[in-house]
């Protein structure tokens, strides 16, 4: 198993994050899909630079293999993505923990995220296993809003 390192995201990571998002096992978005949502390397880079979209990346042998980002205005965890070869190693959990810790440092007591309502989707069980609870709300895409009830621990 290769060593995974973690670090805060920098603006120059945005293009790689966009490329990686298309390579995830579930909920993959191509560059074109993201552009249709108003997300480009430029907008993502700008969000990292101005602090609006803080995030962390996981690296293996100097290459980004996963990432997690949030919205520092709302307390939402906006994305967690990981290359399939790096699943089941605790990398996604660690990335999520880093972002949750950062949001808590910003004063957000109860971070939240949107997640599929379909129990057959991996993220459904992943977040619930880590203590995220349904709020009863849904986002504009119909995904369920989950909120972290207690402090996530590694």
Protein backbone atom coordinates (compact mmCIF):
# COMPACT_ATOMS: atom_id res chain seq x y z
CA UNK A 1 0.00 0.00 0.00
CA UNK A 2 1.36 3.41 -0.93
CA UNK A 3 1.60 6.23 1.55
CA UNK A 4 -1.15 8.81 1.31
CA UNK A 5 -0.40 12.38 2.35
CA UNK A 6 -2.92 15.13 2.98
CA UNK A 7 -2.61 18.86 2.51
CA UNK A 8 -4.79 21.94 2.09
CA UNK A 9 -5.86 22.49 -1.50
CA UNK A 10 -4.22 25.29 -3.46
CA UNK A 11 -5.68 27.12 -6.47
CA UNK A 12 -3.45 25.17 -8.86
CA UNK A 13 -5.22 21.93 -7.80
CA UNK A 14 -8.55 22.90 -9.37
CA UNK A 15 -7.93 21.54 -12.88
CA UNK A 16 -6.72 18.20 -11.52
CA UNK A 17 -9.75 17.99 -9.22
CA UNK A 18 -12.05 18.50 -12.19
CA UNK A 19 -10.30 15.73 -14.13
CA UNK A 20 -10.42 13.37 -11.15
CA UNK A 21 -14.16 13.95 -10.63
CA UNK A 22 -14.89 12.23 -13.96
CA UNK A 23 -12.92 9.15 -12.82
CA UNK A 24 -14.83 8.37 -9.61
CA UNK A 25 -16.83 5.17 -9.26
CA UNK A 26 -20.19 6.79 -8.50
CA UNK A 27 -21.57 10.27 -9.04
CA UNK A 28 -18.90 11.07 -11.61
CA UNK A 29 -19.13 14.43 -13.38
CA UNK A 30 -17.24 15.21 -16.56
CA UNK A 31 -15.65 18.58 -17.17
CA UNK A 32 -18.61 19.41 -19.42
CA UNK A 33 -21.10 18.37 -16.70
CA UNK A 34 -19.35 20.62 -14.21
CA UNK A 35 -19.17 23.51 -16.66
CA UNK A 36 -22.95 23.25 -17.13
CA UNK A 37 -23.23 23.77 -13.36
CA UNK A 38 -20.98 26.84 -13.55
CA UNK A 39 -17.94 25.00 -12.19
CA UNK A 40 -14.73 25.47 -14.15
CA UNK A 41 -11.07 25.30 -13.25
CA UNK A 42 -11.14 29.10 -13.05
CA UNK A 43 -14.15 29.33 -10.71
CA UNK A 44 -12.89 26.48 -8.53
CA UNK A 45 -9.40 27.98 -8.37
CA UNK A 46 -10.88 31.35 -7.44
CA UNK A 47 -12.95 29.76 -4.65
CA UNK A 48 -9.85 28.15 -3.19
CA UNK A 49 -7.86 31.38 -3.51
CA UNK A 50 -10.45 33.59 -1.81
CA UNK A 51 -11.24 31.02 0.89
CA UNK A 52 -14.89 30.55 -0.15
CA UNK A 53 -14.21 26.89 -1.05
CA UNK A 54 -11.72 25.50 1.44
CA UNK A 55 -10.61 21.96 0.83
CA UNK A 56 -8.02 19.26 1.28
CA UNK A 57 -6.42 16.88 -1.16
CA UNK A 58 -5.00 13.39 -0.70
CA UNK A 59 -1.83 12.60 -2.64
CA UNK A 60 -0.01 9.42 -3.51
CA UNK A 61 3.47 9.70 -5.01
CA UNK A 62 2.86 13.40 -5.61
CA UNK A 63 -0.42 12.91 -7.50
CA UNK A 64 -3.86 13.95 -6.24
CA UNK A 65 -5.99 10.84 -5.68
CA UNK A 66 -8.89 12.41 -3.79
CA UNK A 67 -10.26 15.61 -2.35
CA UNK A 68 -12.95 17.14 -0.18
CA UNK A 69 -14.22 20.73 -0.31
CA UNK A 70 -16.74 22.84 1.57
CA UNK A 71 -18.55 26.17 1.37
CA UNK A 72 -17.26 28.44 4.11
CA UNK A 73 -20.39 30.64 4.00
CA UNK A 74 -22.95 27.89 4.62
CA UNK A 75 -21.05 25.07 6.33
CA UNK A 76 -21.87 22.62 3.55
CA UNK A 77 -19.47 19.86 2.56
CA UNK A 78 -19.85 20.29 -1.19
CA UNK A 79 -17.84 17.39 -2.60
CA UNK A 80 -15.84 14.34 -1.58
CA UNK A 81 -14.22 12.47 -4.48
CA UNK A 82 -11.72 9.65 -4.56
CA UNK A 83 -10.17 7.52 -7.27
CA UNK A 84 -11.48 3.93 -7.02
CA UNK A 85 -8.00 2.46 -6.42
CA UNK A 86 -7.80 4.44 -3.16
CA UNK A 87 -11.16 3.42 -1.70
CA UNK A 88 -11.42 1.35 1.50
CA UNK A 89 -8.17 2.73 2.93
CA UNK A 90 -9.62 5.46 5.17
CA UNK A 91 -8.65 8.20 2.71
CA UNK A 92 -12.18 9.50 2.15
CA UNK A 93 -12.90 9.45 5.87
CA UNK A 94 -9.70 11.40 6.59
CA UNK A 95 -10.44 14.00 3.90
CA UNK A 96 -13.94 14.45 5.29
CA UNK A 97 -12.56 14.80 8.82
CA UNK A 98 -10.12 17.51 7.71
CA UNK A 99 -12.93 19.52 6.10
CA UNK A 100 -15.29 19.05 9.06
CA UNK A 101 -12.55 20.18 11.44
CA UNK A 102 -11.96 23.24 9.28
CA UNK A 103 -15.67 24.08 9.20
CA UNK A 104 -15.84 23.74 12.98
CA UNK A 105 -12.84 26.11 13.29
CA UNK A 106 -14.93 28.57 11.27
CA UNK A 107 -17.76 28.23 13.80
CA UNK A 108 -20.06 25.73 12.10
CA UNK A 109 -21.33 23.40 14.82
CA UNK A 110 -23.34 21.21 12.48
CA UNK A 111 -21.83 20.82 9.02
CA UNK A 112 -24.18 19.41 6.39
CA UNK A 113 -24.09 17.80 2.97
CA UNK A 114 -26.39 16.47 0.25
CA UNK A 115 -26.44 12.72 -0.34
CA UNK A 116 -28.37 10.29 -2.50
CA UNK A 117 -31.53 8.86 -0.94
CA UNK A 118 -30.82 5.53 -2.66
CA UNK A 119 -29.47 2.94 -0.16
CA UNK A 120 -27.71 1.10 -3.01
CA UNK A 121 -25.40 4.09 -3.57
CA UNK A 122 -22.16 3.79 -1.59
CA UNK A 123 -22.26 7.32 -0.17
CA UNK A 124 -25.63 6.57 1.47
CA UNK A 125 -24.05 4.09 3.90
CA UNK A 126 -20.67 5.83 4.11
CA UNK A 127 -21.98 9.07 5.61
CA UNK A 128 -24.52 7.40 7.89
CA UNK A 129 -21.84 5.05 9.24
CA UNK A 130 -19.81 8.13 10.20
CA UNK A 131 -22.68 9.70 12.14
CA UNK A 132 -24.37 11.92 9.54
CA UNK A 133 -28.14 12.06 10.12
CA UNK A 134 -31.02 12.94 7.74
CA UNK A 135 -32.58 16.34 8.42
CA UNK A 136 -35.79 15.63 6.51
CA UNK A 137 -34.81 18.26 3.93
CA UNK A 138 -33.89 17.79 0.28
CA UNK A 139 -31.86 19.91 -2.12
CA UNK A 140 -32.94 21.08 -5.57
CA UNK A 141 -31.69 17.81 -7.12
CA UNK A 142 -33.79 15.74 -4.70
CA UNK A 143 -30.80 14.58 -2.66
CA UNK A 144 -31.25 14.22 1.07
CA UNK A 145 -29.61 16.75 3.39
CA UNK A 146 -27.56 15.08 6.12
CA UNK A 147 -26.14 16.85 9.14
CA UNK A 148 -23.29 15.77 11.34
CA UNK A 149 -24.67 15.21 14.80
CA UNK A 150 -21.50 14.48 16.72
CA UNK A 151 -17.84 15.08 16.14
CA UNK A 152 -16.43 12.74 13.53
CA UNK A 153 -13.37 10.89 14.76
CA UNK A 154 -10.80 8.84 12.89
